[in-house]
Amino acid sequence: MAEHLNEIYISVLELVNSGGKIIKEAFSSKHKNVTTKSSEIDFVTETDQAVEKFLIDGLKEKYPNHRFIGEEGVASGLKCQLTDEPTWIIDPIDGTMNFVHSFPNVCISIALLVNKVVEIGIIYNPVLDLQYTARKGEGAFLNGNPISVSPTTALSDSLVIMELGTTRDEEKRQLVRDNFNILQTKCHGLRALGSCALNMAHVASGGADLYFEFGIHAWDIAAGDLIVREAGGVVYDTEGGPLDILGRRVICASSIEIIKEVIPLLKQMKNERD
């Protein structure tokens, strides 16, 4: 199986690099074709759809028995079903709002799960040429160079990433504001960068110490889960239990000490599973 995973890893890297070229070519256009999904600020573009199709078609050609969970496929009505079969979980553009505005914090996020365990994770920002990769048990890398989480163990010394969300629901927006107010005086600083996958990559590479979010999806976190853990970090459900890839909540950090300090402070949100 290990040799087979080596071959798969090389193949998916080639596809991701090519998919990144599609994003980069479309990125600077001021006339992107944009439609909405769950709300007036939850966007999808032609490029999201094109990149997802490119990646899935390329993988299906090589691995016809593999299964797929893709953001745009699920948005169009396909069911999100995770089995023990080899399954690719794909976000063709994480940070679509950023992409629409030509703000360069965008990426492809793709993970391969076997027996519901992440074996391969890739997060690639083609605009800034930042490629985060991990194989289970083999460490995490940025553009081929090993990365690791920061040595930070206290919230008071932490740079924290949280997001403002893509919803107009006032109850959810109030929860975000509450958590912002709770944390802003307890850490070095707060950031909102608009891409769950890249937020996790920043924790993995030591640029941030903590990230949490409610309402995200499997395709936002699957690759980042492996990359953070392979970089020496920790990933959990926001209430402290094991991460549920389909549970739509995540918290990750450079150390378990930060997690234990933060979780009792947070106001929690329940979401319907993917």
C-alpha atoms as a PDB file:
ATOM      1  CA  MET A   1       0.000   0.000   0.000  1.00  0.00           C
ATOM      2  CA  ALA A   2       2.860   2.388   0.823  1.00  0.00           C
ATOM      3  CA  GLU A   3       4.301   2.058  -2.691  1.00  0.00           C
ATOM      4  CA  HIS A   4       0.846   2.630  -4.159  1.00  0.00           C
ATOM      5  CA  LEU A   5       0.427   5.763  -2.034  1.00  0.00           C
ATOM      6  CA  ASN A   6       3.768   7.053  -3.331  1.00  0.00           C
ATOM      7  CA  GLU A   7       2.489   6.772  -6.870  1.00  0.00           C
ATOM      8  CA  ILE A   8      -0.833   8.402  -5.918  1.00  0.00           C
ATOM      9  CA  TYR A   9       0.970  11.262  -4.170  1.00  0.00           C
ATOM     10  CA  ILE A  10       3.093  12.024  -7.244  1.00  0.00           C
ATOM     11  CA  SER A  11       0.017  11.902  -9.479  1.00  0.00           C
ATOM     12  CA  VAL A  12      -2.104  14.195  -7.341  1.00  0.00           C
ATOM     13  CA  LEU A  13       0.733  16.711  -6.974  1.00  0.00           C
ATOM     14  CA  GLU A  14       0.928  16.998 -10.756  1.00  0.00           C
ATOM     15  CA  LEU A  15      -2.827  17.531 -10.971  1.00  0.00           C
ATOM     16  CA  VAL A  16      -2.821  20.114  -8.174  1.00  0.00           C
ATOM     17  CA  ASN A  17      -0.025  22.059  -9.853  1.00  0.00           C
ATOM     18  CA  SER A  18      -1.983  22.101 -13.103  1.00  0.00           C
ATOM     19  CA  GLY A  19      -5.182  23.067 -11.298  1.00  0.00           C
ATOM     20  CA  GLY A  20      -3.263  25.888  -9.674  1.00  0.00           C
ATOM     21  CA  LYS A  21      -2.443  27.271 -13.112  1.00  0.00           C
ATOM     22  CA  ILE A  22      -6.170  27.517 -13.871  1.00  0.00           C
ATOM     23  CA  ILE A  23      -6.676  29.542 -10.688  1.00  0.00           C
ATOM     24  CA  LYS A  24      -3.673  31.770 -11.312  1.00  0.00           C
ATOM     25  CA  GLU A  25      -4.747  32.574 -14.867  1.00  0.00           C
ATOM     26  CA  ALA A  26      -8.247  33.563 -13.706  1.00  0.00           C
ATOM     27  CA  PHE A  27      -7.187  35.315 -10.502  1.00  0.00           C
ATOM     28  CA  SER A  28      -6.469  38.805 -11.834  1.00  0.00           C
ATOM     29  CA  SER A  29      -9.617  39.044 -13.965  1.00  0.00           C
ATOM     30  CA  LYS A  30     -12.011  41.766 -12.864  1.00  0.00           C
ATOM     31  CA  HIS A  31     -14.940  40.021 -14.587  1.00  0.00           C
ATOM     32  CA  LYS A  32     -15.272  36.654 -12.819  1.00  0.00           C
ATOM     33  CA  ASN A  33     -18.544  34.767 -13.347  1.00  0.00           C
ATOM     34  CA  VAL A  34     -19.960  34.585  -9.806  1.00  0.00           C
ATOM     35  CA  THR A  35     -23.115  32.972  -8.422  1.00  0.00           C
ATOM     36  CA  THR A  36     -24.285  32.449  -4.841  1.00  0.00           C
ATOM     37  CA  LYS A  37     -24.964  29.299  -2.797  1.00  0.00           C
ATOM     38  CA  SER A  38     -26.220  29.321   0.805  1.00  0.00           C
ATOM     39  CA  SER A  39     -26.351  33.120   1.130  1.00  0.00           C
ATOM     40  CA  GLU A  40     -25.716  36.338  -0.777  1.00  0.00           C
ATOM     41  CA  ILE A  41     -22.098  36.297   0.451  1.00  0.00           C
ATOM     42  CA  ASP A  42     -21.414  32.571  -0.128  1.00  0.00           C
ATOM     43  CA  PHE A  43     -19.938  32.550  -3.623  1.00  0.00           C
ATOM     44  CA  VAL A  44     -19.040  30.027  -6.307  1.00  0.00           C
ATOM     45  CA  THR A  45     -17.288  30.879  -9.579  1.00  0.00           C
ATOM     46  CA  GLU A  46     -16.731  29.193 -12.915  1.00  0.00           C
ATOM     47  CA  THR A  47     -13.151  28.623 -11.792  1.00  0.00           C
ATOM     48  CA  ASP A  48     -14.239  26.687  -8.666  1.00  0.00           C
ATOM     49  CA  GLN A  49     -16.265  24.388 -10.880  1.00  0.00           C
ATOM     50  CA  ALA A  50     -13.582  24.069 -13.550  1.00  0.00           C
ATOM     51  CA  VAL A  51     -10.827  23.204 -11.078  1.00  0.00           C
ATOM     52  CA  GLU A  52     -12.959  20.644  -9.234  1.00  0.00           C
ATOM     53  CA  LYS A  53     -13.909  18.962 -12.514  1.00  0.00           C
ATOM     54  CA  PHE A  54     -10.274  18.973 -13.660  1.00  0.00           C
ATOM     55  CA  LEU A  55      -9.059  17.349 -10.445  1.00  0.00           C
ATOM     56  CA  ILE A  56     -11.824  14.743 -10.224  1.00  0.00           C
ATOM     57  CA  ASP A  57     -11.608  13.824 -13.910  1.00  0.00           C
ATOM     58  CA  GLY A  58      -7.827  13.428 -13.664  1.00  0.00           C
ATOM     59  CA  LEU A  59      -8.044  11.253 -10.562  1.00  0.00           C
ATOM     60  CA  LYS A  60     -10.921   9.151 -11.902  1.00  0.00           C
ATOM     61  CA  GLU A  61      -8.912   8.387 -15.019  1.00  0.00           C
ATOM     62  CA  LYS A  62      -6.087   6.955 -12.908  1.00  0.00           C
ATOM     63  CA  TYR A  63      -8.115   5.566  -9.997  1.00  0.00           C
ATOM     64  CA  PRO A  64     -11.616   4.703 -11.234  1.00  0.00           C
ATOM     65  CA  ASN A  65     -12.557   2.918  -8.005  1.00  0.00           C
ATOM     66  CA  HIS A  66     -11.854   5.906  -5.754  1.00  0.00           C
ATOM     67  CA  ARG A  67     -14.694   7.963  -4.282  1.00  0.00           C
ATOM     68  CA  PHE A  68     -15.001  11.754  -4.159  1.00  0.00           C
ATOM     69  CA  ILE A  69     -16.412  14.443  -1.904  1.00  0.00           C
ATOM     70  CA  GLY A  70     -16.106  17.829  -3.586  1.00  0.00           C
ATOM     71  CA  GLU A  71     -17.455  21.178  -2.423  1.00  0.00           C
ATOM     72  CA  GLU A  72     -19.108  22.108  -5.683  1.00  0.00           C
ATOM     73  CA  GLY A  73     -20.468  18.597  -6.266  1.00  0.00           C
ATOM     74  CA  VAL A  74     -22.123  18.603  -2.841  1.00  0.00           C
ATOM     75  CA  ALA A  75     -23.443  22.126  -3.455  1.00  0.00           C
ATOM     76  CA  SER A  76     -25.080  20.877  -6.663  1.00  0.00           C
ATOM     77  CA  GLY A  77     -26.908  18.096  -4.794  1.00  0.00           C
ATOM     78  CA  LEU A  78     -24.513  15.152  -4.500  1.00  0.00           C
ATOM     79  CA  LYS A  79     -24.528  13.430  -1.094  1.00  0.00           C
ATOM     80  CA  CYS A  80     -21.542  13.716   1.211  1.00  0.00           C
ATOM     81  CA  GLN A  81     -20.798  10.065   2.026  1.00  0.00           C
ATOM     82  CA  LEU A  82     -17.539   8.989   3.685  1.00  0.00           C
ATOM     83  CA  THR A  83     -16.845   5.246   3.678  1.00  0.00           C
ATOM     84  CA  ASP A  84     -13.744   3.120   4.240  1.00  0.00           C
ATOM     85  CA  GLU A  85     -13.033   3.205   0.495  1.00  0.00           C
ATOM     86  CA  PRO A  86     -10.244   5.486  -0.774  1.00  0.00           C
ATOM     87  CA  THR A  87     -11.946   8.882  -0.846  1.00  0.00           C
ATOM     88  CA  TRP A  88     -10.736  12.257  -2.094  1.00  0.00           C
ATOM     89  CA  ILE A  89     -12.079  15.311  -0.259  1.00  0.00           C
ATOM     90  CA  ILE A  90     -11.613  18.397  -2.412  1.00  0.00           C
ATOM     91  CA  ASP A  91     -12.076  22.137  -2.138  1.00  0.00           C
ATOM     92  CA  PRO A  92     -11.093  23.523  -5.566  1.00  0.00           C
ATOM     93  CA  ILE A  93     -10.813  27.087  -4.260  1.00  0.00           C
ATOM     94  CA  ASP A  94     -10.843  27.625  -0.527  1.00  0.00           C
ATOM     95  CA  GLY A  95     -11.245  31.359  -0.080  1.00  0.00           C
ATOM     96  CA  THR A  96     -13.657  31.983  -2.940  1.00  0.00           C
ATOM     97  CA  MET A  97     -14.608  35.397  -1.533  1.00  0.00           C
ATOM     98  CA  ASN A  98     -10.912  36.316  -1.606  1.00  0.00           C
ATOM     99  CA  PHE A  99     -10.633  34.975  -5.155  1.00  0.00           C
ATOM    100  CA  VAL A 100     -13.611  37.057  -6.308  1.00  0.00           C
ATOM    101  CA  HIS A 101     -11.906  40.194  -4.986  1.00  0.00           C
ATOM    102  CA  SER A 102      -8.417  39.164  -6.207  1.00  0.00           C
ATOM    103  CA  PHE A 103      -7.163  38.981  -2.630  1.00  0.00           C
ATOM    104  CA  PRO A 104      -4.333  36.428  -2.811  1.00  0.00           C
ATOM    105  CA  ASN A 105      -5.242  34.199   0.160  1.00  0.00           C
ATOM    106  CA  VAL A 106      -6.752  31.373  -1.916  1.00  0.00           C
ATOM    107  CA  CYS A 107      -5.860  27.707  -2.316  1.00  0.00           C
ATOM    108  CA  ILE A 108      -6.685  24.237  -3.505  1.00  0.00           C
ATOM    109  CA  SER A 109      -7.236  21.858  -0.592  1.00  0.00           C
ATOM    110  CA  ILE A 110      -7.236  18.130  -1.311  1.00  0.00           C
ATOM    111  CA  ALA A 111      -6.928  15.062   0.897  1.00  0.00           C
ATOM    112  CA  LEU A 112      -7.015  11.309   0.385  1.00  0.00           C
ATOM    113  CA  LEU A 113      -8.648   9.231   3.110  1.00  0.00           C
ATOM    114  CA  VAL A 114      -8.360   5.446   3.343  1.00  0.00           C
ATOM    115  CA  ASN A 115     -10.445   3.706   5.998  1.00  0.00           C
ATOM    116  CA  LYS A 116     -11.528   7.239   7.007  1.00  0.00           C
ATOM    117  CA  VAL A 117      -7.914   8.143   7.893  1.00  0.00           C
ATOM    118  CA  VAL A 118      -6.166  10.994   6.062  1.00  0.00           C
ATOM    119  CA  GLU A 119      -3.134   9.593   4.206  1.00  0.00           C
ATOM    120  CA  ILE A 120      -2.279  12.538   1.922  1.00  0.00           C
ATOM    121  CA  GLY A 121      -2.936  16.255   2.393  1.00  0.00           C
ATOM    122  CA  ILE A 122      -2.087  19.111   0.030  1.00  0.00           C
ATOM    123  CA  ILE A 123      -2.886  22.815   0.367  1.00  0.00           C
ATOM    124  CA  TYR A 124      -1.655  24.902  -2.558  1.00  0.00           C
ATOM    125  CA  ASN A 125      -1.851  28.662  -2.968  1.00  0.00           C
ATOM    126  CA  PRO A 126      -0.866  29.129  -6.630  1.00  0.00           C
ATOM    127  CA  VAL A 127      -1.054  32.921  -6.497  1.00  0.00           C
ATOM    128  CA  LEU A 128       1.716  33.142  -3.885  1.00  0.00           C
ATOM    129  CA  ASP A 129       3.269  29.778  -4.847  1.00  0.00           C
ATOM    130  CA  LEU A 130       2.937  28.246  -1.380  1.00  0.00           C
ATOM    131  CA  GLN A 131       2.458  24.479  -1.373  1.00  0.00           C
ATOM    132  CA  TYR A 132       1.905  22.693   1.951  1.00  0.00           C
ATOM    133  CA  THR A 133       2.077  18.912   1.819  1.00  0.00           C
ATOM    134  CA  ALA A 134       1.961  15.948   4.176  1.00  0.00           C
ATOM    135  CA  ARG A 135       1.921  12.176   4.109  1.00  0.00           C
ATOM    136  CA  LYS A 136       0.830  10.302   7.215  1.00  0.00           C
ATOM    137  CA  GLY A 137       3.888   9.555   9.351  1.00  0.00           C
ATOM    138  CA  GLU A 138       6.307  11.453   7.108  1.00  0.00           C
ATOM    139  CA  GLY A 139       6.130  15.050   8.372  1.00  0.00           C
ATOM    140  CA  ALA A 140       4.810  18.255   6.852  1.00  0.00           C
ATOM    141  CA  PHE A 141       6.451  20.472   4.242  1.00  0.00           C
ATOM    142  CA  LEU A 142       6.199  23.902   2.627  1.00  0.00           C
ATOM    143  CA  ASN A 143       7.566  23.937  -0.928  1.00  0.00           C
ATOM    144  CA  GLY A 144       9.546  20.812  -0.059  1.00  0.00           C
ATOM    145  CA  ASN A 145      11.083  22.178   3.154  1.00  0.00           C
ATOM    146  CA  PRO A 146      10.103  20.703   6.549  1.00  0.00           C
ATOM    147  CA  ILE A 147       7.801  22.814   8.708  1.00  0.00           C
ATOM    148  CA  SER A 148       6.754  22.653  12.336  1.00  0.00           C
ATOM    149  CA  VAL A 149       4.354  24.431  14.637  1.00  0.00           C
ATOM    150  CA  SER A 150       5.523  27.192  16.965  1.00  0.00           C
ATOM    151  CA  PRO A 151       6.753  26.384  20.491  1.00  0.00           C
ATOM    152  CA  THR A 152       3.947  28.510  21.991  1.00  0.00           C
ATOM    153  CA  THR A 153       2.009  26.932  24.851  1.00  0.00           C
ATOM    154  CA  ALA A 154       0.083  29.886  26.336  1.00  0.00           C
ATOM    155  CA  LEU A 155      -2.877  31.784  24.908  1.00  0.00           C
ATOM    156  CA  SER A 156      -1.386  35.051  26.152  1.00  0.00           C
ATOM    157  CA  ASP A 157       1.572  34.528  23.785  1.00  0.00           C
ATOM    158  CA  SER A 158      -0.527  33.409  20.817  1.00  0.00           C
ATOM    159  CA  LEU A 159      -1.505  34.841  17.465  1.00  0.00           C
ATOM    160  CA  VAL A 160      -5.041  33.551  16.929  1.00  0.00           C
ATOM    161  CA  ILE A 161      -6.931  33.111  13.654  1.00  0.00           C
ATOM    162  CA  MET A 162     -10.721  33.087  13.596  1.00  0.00           C
ATOM    163  CA  GLU A 163     -13.172  33.888  10.815  1.00  0.00           C
ATOM    164  CA  LEU A 164     -16.109  36.269  10.506  1.00  0.00           C
ATOM    165  CA  GLY A 165     -18.179  33.805   8.476  1.00  0.00           C
ATOM    166  CA  THR A 166     -20.245  33.810   5.284  1.00  0.00           C
ATOM    167  CA  THR A 167     -23.689  34.193   6.823  1.00  0.00           C
ATOM    168  CA  ARG A 168     -26.222  36.931   7.454  1.00  0.00           C
ATOM    169  CA  ASP A 169     -27.767  34.912  10.309  1.00  0.00           C
ATOM    170  CA  GLU A 170     -27.694  37.292  13.273  1.00  0.00           C
ATOM    171  CA  GLU A 171     -27.431  34.584  15.938  1.00  0.00           C
ATOM    172  CA  LYS A 172     -24.317  33.141  14.280  1.00  0.00           C
ATOM    173  CA  ARG A 173     -22.840  36.602  13.724  1.00  0.00           C
ATOM    174  CA  GLN A 174     -23.371  37.421  17.397  1.00  0.00           C
ATOM    175  CA  LEU A 175     -21.535  34.244  18.426  1.00  0.00           C
ATOM    176  CA  VAL A 176     -18.564  35.333  16.297  1.00  0.00           C
ATOM    177  CA  ARG A 177     -18.594  38.754  17.916  1.00  0.00           C
ATOM    178  CA  ASP A 178     -18.821  37.217  21.384  1.00  0.00           C
ATOM    179  CA  ASN A 179     -15.829  34.955  20.803  1.00  0.00           C
ATOM    180  CA  PHE A 180     -13.867  37.833  19.310  1.00  0.00           C
ATOM    181  CA  ASN A 181     -14.545  39.942  22.394  1.00  0.00           C
ATOM    182  CA  ILE A 182     -13.646  37.067  24.718  1.00  0.00           C
ATOM    183  CA  LEU A 183     -10.281  36.454  23.074  1.00  0.00           C
ATOM    184  CA  GLN A 184      -9.090  39.876  21.960  1.00  0.00           C
ATOM    185  CA  THR A 185      -7.635  40.823  25.361  1.00  0.00           C
ATOM    186  CA  LYS A 186      -6.284  37.359  26.120  1.00  0.00           C
ATOM    187  CA  CYS A 187      -3.898  36.828  23.177  1.00  0.00           C
ATOM    188  CA  HIS A 188      -1.274  38.741  21.189  1.00  0.00           C
ATOM    189  CA  GLY A 189      -3.678  39.377  18.332  1.00  0.00           C
ATOM    190  CA  LEU A 190      -6.556  38.110  16.185  1.00  0.00           C
ATOM    191  CA  ARG A 191      -6.582  37.612  12.423  1.00  0.00           C
ATOM    192  CA  ALA A 192      -9.272  36.717   9.846  1.00  0.00           C
ATOM    193  CA  LEU A 193      -7.771  35.717   6.493  1.00  0.00           C
ATOM    194  CA  GLY A 194     -10.681  34.083   4.664  1.00  0.00           C
ATOM    195  CA  SER A 195      -9.419  30.537   4.029  1.00  0.00           C
ATOM    196  CA  CYS A 196      -9.856  27.700   6.508  1.00  0.00           C
ATOM    197  CA  ALA A 197      -7.271  25.487   4.817  1.00  0.00           C
ATOM    198  CA  LEU A 198      -4.630  28.219   4.730  1.00  0.00           C
ATOM    199  CA  ASN A 199      -5.432  29.139   8.335  1.00  0.00           C
ATOM    200  CA  MET A 200      -4.570  25.573   9.317  1.00  0.00           C
ATOM    201  CA  ALA A 201      -1.441  25.750   7.165  1.00  0.00           C
ATOM    202  CA  HIS A 202      -0.351  28.888   9.027  1.00  0.00           C
ATOM    203  CA  VAL A 203      -0.652  27.004  12.315  1.00  0.00           C
ATOM    204  CA  ALA A 204       1.323  24.104  10.838  1.00  0.00           C
ATOM    205  CA  SER A 205       4.138  26.370   9.680  1.00  0.00           C
ATOM    206  CA  GLY A 206       4.344  28.326  12.945  1.00  0.00           C
ATOM    207  CA  GLY A 207       2.964  31.633  11.681  1.00  0.00           C
ATOM    208  CA  ALA A 208      -0.083  31.376  13.930  1.00  0.00           C
ATOM    209  CA  ASP A 209      -0.593  29.472  17.160  1.00  0.00           C
ATOM    210  CA  LEU A 210      -4.336  28.779  17.209  1.00  0.00           C
ATOM    211  CA  TYR A 211      -7.216  28.629  14.761  1.00  0.00           C
ATOM    212  CA  PHE A 212     -10.854  27.692  15.323  1.00  0.00           C
ATOM    213  CA  GLU A 213     -14.045  27.917  13.311  1.00  0.00           C
ATOM    214  CA  PHE A 214     -17.662  26.759  13.326  1.00  0.00           C
ATOM    215  CA  GLY A 215     -19.701  25.960  10.234  1.00  0.00           C
ATOM    216  CA  ILE A 216     -16.866  24.841   7.980  1.00  0.00           C
ATOM    217  CA  HIS A 217     -17.021  21.623   5.918  1.00  0.00           C
ATOM    218  CA  ALA A 218     -15.015  18.454   5.385  1.00  0.00           C
ATOM    219  CA  TRP A 219     -13.322  19.871   2.274  1.00  0.00           C
ATOM    220  CA  ASP A 220     -12.094  22.871   4.276  1.00  0.00           C
ATOM    221  CA  ILE A 221     -10.291  20.850   6.959  1.00  0.00           C
ATOM    222  CA  ALA A 222      -9.348  17.379   5.683  1.00  0.00           C
ATOM    223  CA  ALA A 223      -5.936  18.290   4.232  1.00  0.00           C
ATOM    224  CA  GLY A 224      -5.171  20.768   7.006  1.00  0.00           C
ATOM    225  CA  ASP A 225      -5.902  18.177   9.679  1.00  0.00           C
ATOM    226  CA  LEU A 226      -3.052  15.980   8.470  1.00  0.00           C
ATOM    227  CA  ILE A 227      -0.656  18.842   7.755  1.00  0.00           C
ATOM    228  CA  VAL A 228      -1.078  20.344  11.242  1.00  0.00           C
ATOM    229  CA  ARG A 229      -0.632  16.998  12.981  1.00  0.00           C
ATOM    230  CA  GLU A 230       2.388  16.056  10.876  1.00  0.00           C
ATOM    231  CA  ALA A 231       3.914  19.446  11.780  1.00  0.00           C
ATOM    232  CA  GLY A 232       3.598  18.581  15.471  1.00  0.00           C
ATOM    233  CA  GLY A 233       0.354  20.383  16.211  1.00  0.00           C
ATOM    234  CA  VAL A 234      -2.976  19.207  17.573  1.00  0.00           C
ATOM    235  CA  VAL A 235      -6.432  19.162  15.974  1.00  0.00           C
ATOM    236  CA  TYR A 236      -9.717  18.660  17.826  1.00  0.00           C
ATOM    237  CA  ASP A 237     -13.426  19.306  17.801  1.00  0.00           C
ATOM    238  CA  THR A 238     -14.131  22.706  19.353  1.00  0.00           C
ATOM    239  CA  GLU A 239     -15.453  21.082  22.541  1.00  0.00           C
ATOM    240  CA  GLY A 240     -12.264  19.063  22.982  1.00  0.00           C
ATOM    241  CA  GLY A 241     -13.269  15.702  21.548  1.00  0.00           C
ATOM    242  CA  PRO A 242     -11.666  13.965  18.565  1.00  0.00           C
ATOM    243  CA  LEU A 243     -12.035  15.835  15.287  1.00  0.00           C
ATOM    244  CA  ASP A 244     -15.043  14.706  13.263  1.00  0.00           C
ATOM    245  CA  ILE A 245     -14.155  15.411   9.624  1.00  0.00           C
ATOM    246  CA  LEU A 246     -17.867  15.745   8.835  1.00  0.00           C
ATOM    247  CA  GLY A 247     -18.717  17.601  12.062  1.00  0.00           C
ATOM    248  CA  ARG A 248     -18.286  21.158  10.709  1.00  0.00           C
ATOM    249  CA  ARG A 249     -16.192  22.417  13.635  1.00  0.00           C
ATOM    250  CA  VAL A 250     -12.439  22.545  14.151  1.00  0.00           C
ATOM    251  CA  ILE A 251      -9.834  23.887  16.531  1.00  0.00           C
ATOM    252  CA  CYS A 252      -6.111  23.422  15.976  1.00  0.00           C
ATOM    253  CA  ALA A 253      -3.066  24.755  17.763  1.00  0.00           C
ATOM    254  CA  SER A 254       0.642  24.461  18.280  1.00  0.00           C
ATOM    255  CA  SER A 255       0.061  22.716  21.629  1.00  0.00           C
ATOM    256  CA  ILE A 256      -2.570  20.919  23.660  1.00  0.00           C
ATOM    257  CA  GLU A 257      -2.003  23.461  26.437  1.00  0.00           C
ATOM    258  CA  ILE A 258      -3.470  26.258  24.301  1.00  0.00           C
ATOM    259  CA  ILE A 259      -6.425  24.080  23.347  1.00  0.00           C
ATOM    260  CA  LYS A 260      -7.197  23.319  26.989  1.00  0.00           C
ATOM    261  CA  GLU A 261      -6.965  26.995  27.863  1.00  0.00           C
ATOM    262  CA  VAL A 262      -9.196  28.216  25.031  1.00  0.00           C
ATOM    263  CA  ILE A 263     -12.021  25.679  24.878  1.00  0.00           C
ATOM    264  CA  PRO A 264     -13.628  26.664  28.227  1.00  0.00           C
ATOM    265  CA  LEU A 265     -13.708  30.284  27.017  1.00  0.00           C
ATOM    266  CA  LEU A 266     -15.462  29.720  23.704  1.00  0.00           C
ATOM    267  CA  LYS A 267     -19.146  30.030  23.019  1.00  0.00           C
ATOM    268  CA  GLN A 268     -19.986  26.902  21.046  1.00  0.00           C
ATOM    269  CA  MET A 269     -22.094  26.380  17.949  1.00  0.00           C
ATOM    270  CA  LYS A 270     -23.778  23.167  16.829  1.00  0.00           C
ATOM    271  CA  ASN A 271     -24.020  22.465  13.107  1.00  0.00           C
ATOM    272  CA  GLU A 272     -25.715  19.798  11.055  1.00  0.00           C
ATOM    273  CA  ARG A 273     -23.058  17.301   9.909  1.00  0.00           C
ATOM    274  CA  ASP A 274     -21.955  17.201   6.282  1.00  0.00           C
END
